[in-house]
Amino acid sequence: QVRLAESGGRLVQAGNSLRLSCAASGRTIVGVAMGWFRQAPGKEREFVAGISGGGVTRYYADSVKGRFTIARDNAKNSVYLQMNSLKPEDTAVYYCALRARSNIRSGENDYDYWGQGTQVTVSS
């Protein structure tokens, strides 16, 4: 069974950094696009960052561009989200997602597998 397991979420102060991890099991992530989404209470789930199957192309939401970096380590079957200069508005549950295609897309329906999420809370 395919499983995506996020970890690393916690309470941090504004301006600090945090690194989220997503470990995949049940299938390889080699050659497929991976993404990070987030959802705050009462809000729709939104795309945060994506990385292509080859790892060359990356795409970010405007709200996190310049602060967040997505990376992949195929040898570990994992994807990471490095979050710097965190703001209170970054507070959300962060989800890892796998798209069974190599190219990046930003819609929820473009992804085939999802993790259960990890909570990130940024205090002011």
N, C-alpha and C. Protein backbone atom coordinates (compact mmCIF):
# COMPACT_ATOMS: atom_id res chain seq x y z
N GLN A 1 0.83 -1.18 0.00
CA GLN A 1 0.00 0.00 0.00
C GLN A 1 0.88 1.24 0.00
N VAL A 2 0.50 2.21 -0.80
CA VAL A 2 1.27 3.44 -0.89
C VAL A 2 1.00 4.31 0.33
N ARG A 3 2.06 4.81 0.89
CA ARG A 3 1.94 5.68 2.04
C ARG A 3 2.93 6.82 1.93
N LEU A 4 2.46 8.02 2.25
CA LEU A 4 3.30 9.19 2.36
C LEU A 4 3.22 9.66 3.80
N ALA A 5 4.35 9.75 4.45
CA ALA A 5 4.39 10.10 5.86
C ALA A 5 5.17 11.39 6.06
N GLU A 6 4.45 12.45 6.41
CA GLU A 6 5.09 13.74 6.69
C GLU A 6 5.59 13.78 8.12
N SER A 7 6.63 14.55 8.33
CA SER A 7 7.15 14.77 9.67
C SER A 7 7.86 16.11 9.71
N GLY A 8 8.09 16.62 10.90
CA GLY A 8 8.85 17.84 11.08
C GLY A 8 8.04 19.04 11.51
N GLY A 9 6.73 18.96 11.43
CA GLY A 9 5.91 20.10 11.82
C GLY A 9 5.95 20.33 13.32
N ARG A 10 5.96 21.61 13.71
CA ARG A 10 5.96 21.97 15.12
C ARG A 10 5.68 23.45 15.27
N LEU A 11 5.67 23.91 16.51
CA LEU A 11 5.49 25.32 16.81
C LEU A 11 6.82 26.03 16.74
N VAL A 12 6.87 27.11 15.96
CA VAL A 12 8.08 27.91 15.85
C VAL A 12 7.72 29.38 15.89
N GLN A 13 8.69 30.21 16.18
CA GLN A 13 8.49 31.65 16.19
C GLN A 13 8.66 32.22 14.78
N ALA A 14 7.96 33.30 14.51
CA ALA A 14 8.10 33.97 13.23
C ALA A 14 9.56 34.32 12.97
N GLY A 15 9.97 34.14 11.74
CA GLY A 15 11.34 34.41 11.36
C GLY A 15 12.25 33.20 11.41
N ASN A 16 11.80 32.16 12.07
CA ASN A 16 12.61 30.95 12.18
C ASN A 16 12.42 30.05 10.97
N SER A 17 13.16 28.96 10.95
CA SER A 17 13.12 28.00 9.86
C SER A 17 12.65 26.64 10.33
N LEU A 18 12.17 25.87 9.39
CA LEU A 18 11.68 24.53 9.68
C LEU A 18 11.83 23.69 8.42
N ARG A 19 12.16 22.44 8.59
CA ARG A 19 12.28 21.52 7.47
C ARG A 19 11.30 20.37 7.63
N LEU A 20 10.43 20.23 6.67
CA LEU A 20 9.48 19.13 6.65
C LEU A 20 10.01 18.00 5.78
N SER A 21 9.70 16.78 6.18
CA SER A 21 10.11 15.61 5.43
C SER A 21 8.88 14.81 5.02
N CYS A 22 8.99 14.13 3.90
CA CYS A 22 7.94 13.26 3.42
C CYS A 22 8.59 11.97 2.95
N ALA A 23 8.34 10.90 3.66
CA ALA A 23 8.89 9.60 3.32
C ALA A 23 7.82 8.76 2.65
N ALA A 24 8.12 8.29 1.45
CA ALA A 24 7.17 7.47 0.70
C ALA A 24 7.50 6.00 0.87
N SER A 25 6.48 5.19 0.94
CA SER A 25 6.64 3.75 0.99
C SER A 25 5.56 3.11 0.12
N GLY A 26 5.82 1.89 -0.32
CA GLY A 26 4.87 1.19 -1.15
C GLY A 26 5.06 1.40 -2.63
N ARG A 27 5.80 2.42 -3.00
CA ARG A 27 6.15 2.67 -4.39
C ARG A 27 7.30 3.64 -4.45
N THR A 28 8.00 3.63 -5.54
CA THR A 28 9.10 4.56 -5.73
C THR A 28 8.57 5.92 -6.16
N ILE A 29 9.27 6.97 -5.77
CA ILE A 29 8.92 8.30 -6.23
C ILE A 29 9.77 8.70 -7.42
N VAL A 30 10.66 7.81 -7.83
CA VAL A 30 11.53 8.09 -8.97
C VAL A 30 10.70 8.36 -10.21
N GLY A 31 10.98 9.49 -10.85
CA GLY A 31 10.34 9.83 -12.10
C GLY A 31 8.97 10.47 -12.02
N VAL A 32 8.46 10.69 -10.83
CA VAL A 32 7.15 11.31 -10.69
C VAL A 32 7.26 12.62 -9.92
N ALA A 33 6.34 13.51 -10.23
CA ALA A 33 6.33 14.80 -9.56
C ALA A 33 5.81 14.67 -8.14
N MET A 34 6.36 15.49 -7.27
CA MET A 34 5.93 15.53 -5.88
C MET A 34 5.56 16.95 -5.52
N GLY A 35 4.62 17.09 -4.61
CA GLY A 35 4.19 18.42 -4.22
C GLY A 35 3.91 18.55 -2.74
N TRP A 36 3.91 19.77 -2.30
CA TRP A 36 3.49 20.12 -0.95
C TRP A 36 2.28 21.06 -1.03
N PHE A 37 1.29 20.77 -0.23
CA PHE A 37 0.10 21.60 -0.10
C PHE A 37 -0.06 21.97 1.37
N ARG A 38 -0.89 22.96 1.63
CA ARG A 38 -1.20 23.30 3.01
C ARG A 38 -2.65 23.72 3.14
N GLN A 39 -3.18 23.56 4.35
CA GLN A 39 -4.56 23.91 4.60
C GLN A 39 -4.72 24.43 6.02
N ALA A 40 -5.25 25.61 6.13
CA ALA A 40 -5.57 26.20 7.42
C ALA A 40 -7.05 25.95 7.72
N PRO A 41 -7.46 25.96 8.99
CA PRO A 41 -8.87 25.74 9.33
C PRO A 41 -9.79 26.72 8.61
N GLY A 42 -10.83 26.19 8.00
CA GLY A 42 -11.77 27.02 7.28
C GLY A 42 -11.31 27.48 5.92
N LYS A 43 -10.13 27.07 5.52
CA LYS A 43 -9.56 27.47 4.23
C LYS A 43 -9.47 26.27 3.30
N GLU A 44 -9.41 26.56 2.03
CA GLU A 44 -9.21 25.51 1.05
C GLU A 44 -7.75 25.08 1.03
N ARG A 45 -7.53 23.85 0.67
CA ARG A 45 -6.17 23.37 0.53
C ARG A 45 -5.51 24.08 -0.65
N GLU A 46 -4.29 24.55 -0.45
CA GLU A 46 -3.61 25.30 -1.48
C GLU A 46 -2.24 24.71 -1.80
N PHE A 47 -1.87 24.84 -3.04
CA PHE A 47 -0.58 24.38 -3.50
C PHE A 47 0.52 25.27 -2.94
N VAL A 48 1.59 24.65 -2.49
CA VAL A 48 2.73 25.38 -1.94
C VAL A 48 3.95 25.26 -2.84
N ALA A 49 4.32 24.04 -3.19
CA ALA A 49 5.52 23.82 -3.98
C ALA A 49 5.45 22.48 -4.68
N GLY A 50 6.12 22.38 -5.82
CA GLY A 50 6.18 21.14 -6.55
C GLY A 50 7.54 20.94 -7.18
N ILE A 51 7.90 19.69 -7.40
CA ILE A 51 9.16 19.36 -8.05
C ILE A 51 8.89 18.28 -9.09
N SER A 52 9.48 18.44 -10.26
CA SER A 52 9.26 17.50 -11.35
C SER A 52 9.93 16.17 -11.08
N GLY A 53 9.53 15.16 -11.86
CA GLY A 53 10.07 13.83 -11.68
C GLY A 53 11.58 13.77 -11.81
N GLY A 54 12.13 14.57 -12.69
CA GLY A 54 13.56 14.61 -12.88
C GLY A 54 14.29 15.49 -11.89
N GLY A 55 13.54 16.26 -11.12
CA GLY A 55 14.13 17.11 -10.11
C GLY A 55 14.71 18.42 -10.62
N VAL A 56 14.57 18.68 -11.91
CA VAL A 56 15.14 19.88 -12.49
C VAL A 56 14.22 21.09 -12.32
N THR A 57 12.93 20.87 -12.50
CA THR A 57 11.97 21.95 -12.45
C THR A 57 11.31 22.03 -11.08
N ARG A 58 11.21 23.24 -10.57
CA ARG A 58 10.53 23.50 -9.31
C ARG A 58 9.57 24.66 -9.50
N TYR A 59 8.47 24.62 -8.78
CA TYR A 59 7.47 25.65 -8.90
C TYR A 59 6.92 25.95 -7.52
N TYR A 60 6.72 27.25 -7.23
CA TYR A 60 6.28 27.67 -5.92
C TYR A 60 5.10 28.63 -6.00
N ALA A 61 4.27 28.57 -5.00
CA ALA A 61 3.24 29.58 -4.86
C ALA A 61 3.90 30.92 -4.58
N ASP A 62 3.28 31.99 -5.07
CA ASP A 62 3.86 33.32 -4.88
C ASP A 62 4.06 33.65 -3.40
N SER A 63 3.19 33.15 -2.56
CA SER A 63 3.25 33.45 -1.14
C SER A 63 4.48 32.90 -0.44
N VAL A 64 5.12 31.89 -1.04
CA VAL A 64 6.27 31.27 -0.40
C VAL A 64 7.54 31.39 -1.22
N LYS A 65 7.43 31.91 -2.42
CA LYS A 65 8.59 32.02 -3.31
C LYS A 65 9.69 32.85 -2.65
N GLY A 66 10.89 32.33 -2.70
CA GLY A 66 12.02 33.01 -2.09
C GLY A 66 12.25 32.64 -0.64
N ARG A 67 11.28 31.98 -0.03
CA ARG A 67 11.40 31.56 1.36
C ARG A 67 11.45 30.05 1.52
N PHE A 68 10.70 29.34 0.68
CA PHE A 68 10.61 27.89 0.76
C PHE A 68 11.38 27.25 -0.38
N THR A 69 11.91 26.06 -0.13
CA THR A 69 12.60 25.29 -1.14
C THR A 69 12.17 23.84 -1.06
N ILE A 70 11.77 23.28 -2.19
CA ILE A 70 11.43 21.87 -2.25
C ILE A 70 12.60 21.10 -2.84
N ALA A 71 12.85 19.91 -2.32
CA ALA A 71 13.94 19.08 -2.80
C ALA A 71 13.54 17.62 -2.71
N ARG A 72 14.22 16.79 -3.46
CA ARG A 72 13.94 15.37 -3.41
C ARG A 72 15.22 14.58 -3.28
N ASP A 73 15.11 13.44 -2.65
CA ASP A 73 16.21 12.50 -2.52
C ASP A 73 15.65 11.14 -2.88
N ASN A 74 15.84 10.77 -4.13
CA ASN A 74 15.26 9.51 -4.61
C ASN A 74 15.84 8.29 -3.91
N ALA A 75 17.10 8.38 -3.50
CA ALA A 75 17.74 7.27 -2.80
C ALA A 75 17.04 6.98 -1.48
N LYS A 76 16.47 8.01 -0.88
CA LYS A 76 15.73 7.85 0.37
C LYS A 76 14.23 7.80 0.15
N ASN A 77 13.82 7.88 -1.11
CA ASN A 77 12.41 7.89 -1.46
C ASN A 77 11.66 8.96 -0.68
N SER A 78 12.28 10.14 -0.60
CA SER A 78 11.76 11.21 0.23
C SER A 78 11.79 12.55 -0.47
N VAL A 79 10.94 13.43 0.01
CA VAL A 79 10.86 14.81 -0.46
C VAL A 79 10.88 15.71 0.76
N TYR A 80 11.44 16.90 0.59
CA TYR A 80 11.59 17.81 1.71
C TYR A 80 11.07 19.19 1.35
N LEU A 81 10.69 19.92 2.37
CA LEU A 81 10.31 21.32 2.20
C LEU A 81 11.05 22.13 3.25
N GLN A 82 12.03 22.89 2.79
CA GLN A 82 12.76 23.78 3.66
C GLN A 82 12.03 25.11 3.73
N MET A 83 11.63 25.52 4.91
CA MET A 83 10.86 26.73 5.09
C MET A 83 11.67 27.72 5.92
N ASN A 84 11.98 28.85 5.32
CA ASN A 84 12.73 29.89 5.99
C ASN A 84 11.87 31.13 6.17
N SER A 85 12.29 32.00 7.06
CA SER A 85 11.59 33.26 7.31
C SER A 85 10.10 33.04 7.49
N LEU A 86 9.76 32.12 8.34
CA LEU A 86 8.36 31.75 8.53
C LEU A 86 7.53 32.90 9.08
N LYS A 87 6.31 32.97 8.62
CA LYS A 87 5.36 34.00 9.02
C LYS A 87 4.15 33.35 9.67
N PRO A 88 3.42 34.08 10.51
CA PRO A 88 2.21 33.51 11.11
C PRO A 88 1.22 32.99 10.07
N GLU A 89 1.15 33.63 8.92
CA GLU A 89 0.24 33.19 7.89
C GLU A 89 0.65 31.87 7.23
N ASP A 90 1.83 31.37 7.56
CA ASP A 90 2.24 30.05 7.10
C ASP A 90 1.65 28.94 7.95
N THR A 91 1.00 29.29 9.04
CA THR A 91 0.40 28.31 9.92
C THR A 91 -0.66 27.50 9.18
N ALA A 92 -0.49 26.19 9.18
CA ALA A 92 -1.40 25.30 8.46
C ALA A 92 -0.96 23.86 8.67
N VAL A 93 -1.81 22.95 8.25
CA VAL A 93 -1.41 21.55 8.13
C VAL A 93 -0.79 21.40 6.75
N TYR A 94 0.40 20.86 6.71
CA TYR A 94 1.12 20.69 5.46
C TYR A 94 1.04 19.24 5.01
N TYR A 95 0.69 19.06 3.74
CA TYR A 95 0.50 17.75 3.16
C TYR A 95 1.49 17.49 2.04
N CYS A 96 2.02 16.30 2.01
CA CYS A 96 2.84 15.82 0.92
C CYS A 96 1.95 15.06 -0.06
N ALA A 97 2.22 15.20 -1.35
CA ALA A 97 1.42 14.53 -2.35
C ALA A 97 2.28 14.02 -3.49
N LEU A 98 1.85 12.91 -4.07
CA LEU A 98 2.54 12.29 -5.20
C LEU A 98 1.64 12.32 -6.42
N ARG A 99 2.20 12.77 -7.51
CA ARG A 99 1.50 12.80 -8.79
C ARG A 99 2.12 11.73 -9.69
N ALA A 100 1.29 10.86 -10.24
CA ALA A 100 1.79 9.76 -11.06
C ALA A 100 2.10 10.19 -12.49
N ARG A 101 2.69 11.34 -12.62
CA ARG A 101 3.20 11.89 -13.86
C ARG A 101 4.47 12.63 -13.52
N SER A 102 5.27 12.94 -14.51
CA SER A 102 6.55 13.57 -14.24
C SER A 102 6.48 15.09 -14.14
N ASN A 103 5.44 15.69 -14.71
CA ASN A 103 5.36 17.14 -14.75
C ASN A 103 4.56 17.69 -13.58
N ILE A 104 4.90 18.89 -13.17
CA ILE A 104 4.28 19.53 -12.03
C ILE A 104 2.91 20.10 -12.38
N ARG A 105 1.96 19.92 -11.50
CA ARG A 105 0.68 20.57 -11.56
C ARG A 105 0.36 21.10 -10.17
N SER A 106 -0.55 22.05 -10.09
CA SER A 106 -0.82 22.72 -8.83
C SER A 106 -2.20 22.44 -8.24
N GLY A 107 -2.98 21.59 -8.88
CA GLY A 107 -4.31 21.30 -8.40
C GLY A 107 -4.35 20.04 -7.54
N GLU A 108 -5.25 20.04 -6.56
CA GLU A 108 -5.41 18.87 -5.71
C GLU A 108 -5.70 17.61 -6.53
N ASN A 109 -6.55 17.75 -7.53
CA ASN A 109 -6.97 16.61 -8.34
C ASN A 109 -5.87 16.10 -9.26
N ASP A 110 -4.77 16.81 -9.33
CA ASP A 110 -3.65 16.38 -10.16
C ASP A 110 -2.75 15.39 -9.44
N TYR A 111 -3.02 15.13 -8.18
CA TYR A 111 -2.19 14.25 -7.37
C TYR A 111 -2.95 12.99 -6.97
N ASP A 112 -2.22 11.90 -6.88
CA ASP A 112 -2.82 10.59 -6.72
C ASP A 112 -2.73 10.01 -5.31
N TYR A 113 -1.74 10.42 -4.56
CA TYR A 113 -1.55 9.93 -3.21
C TYR A 113 -1.22 11.08 -2.28
N TRP A 114 -1.73 10.97 -1.06
CA TRP A 114 -1.58 12.04 -0.08
C TRP A 114 -1.16 11.51 1.28
N GLY A 115 -0.38 12.30 1.98
CA GLY A 115 -0.07 12.00 3.35
C GLY A 115 -1.16 12.53 4.27
N GLN A 116 -1.02 12.27 5.55
CA GLN A 116 -2.02 12.70 6.52
C GLN A 116 -1.79 14.10 7.04
N GLY A 117 -0.64 14.66 6.76
CA GLY A 117 -0.36 16.03 7.13
C GLY A 117 0.44 16.17 8.41
N THR A 118 1.12 17.29 8.51
CA THR A 118 1.87 17.63 9.71
C THR A 118 1.61 19.10 10.03
N GLN A 119 1.35 19.39 11.29
CA GLN A 119 0.95 20.73 11.70
C GLN A 119 2.16 21.64 11.86
N VAL A 120 2.08 22.79 11.22
CA VAL A 120 3.08 23.84 11.39
C VAL A 120 2.38 25.05 11.98
N THR A 121 2.86 25.51 13.11
CA THR A 121 2.29 26.68 13.75
C THR A 121 3.39 27.71 13.95
N VAL A 122 3.15 28.91 13.44
CA VAL A 122 4.13 29.99 13.53
C VAL A 122 3.56 31.08 14.42
N SER A 123 4.21 31.33 15.52
CA SER A 123 3.76 32.35 16.46
C SER A 123 4.39 33.69 16.14
N SER A 124 3.68 34.76 16.43
CA SER A 124 4.15 36.10 16.15
C SER A 124 5.01 36.64 17.27
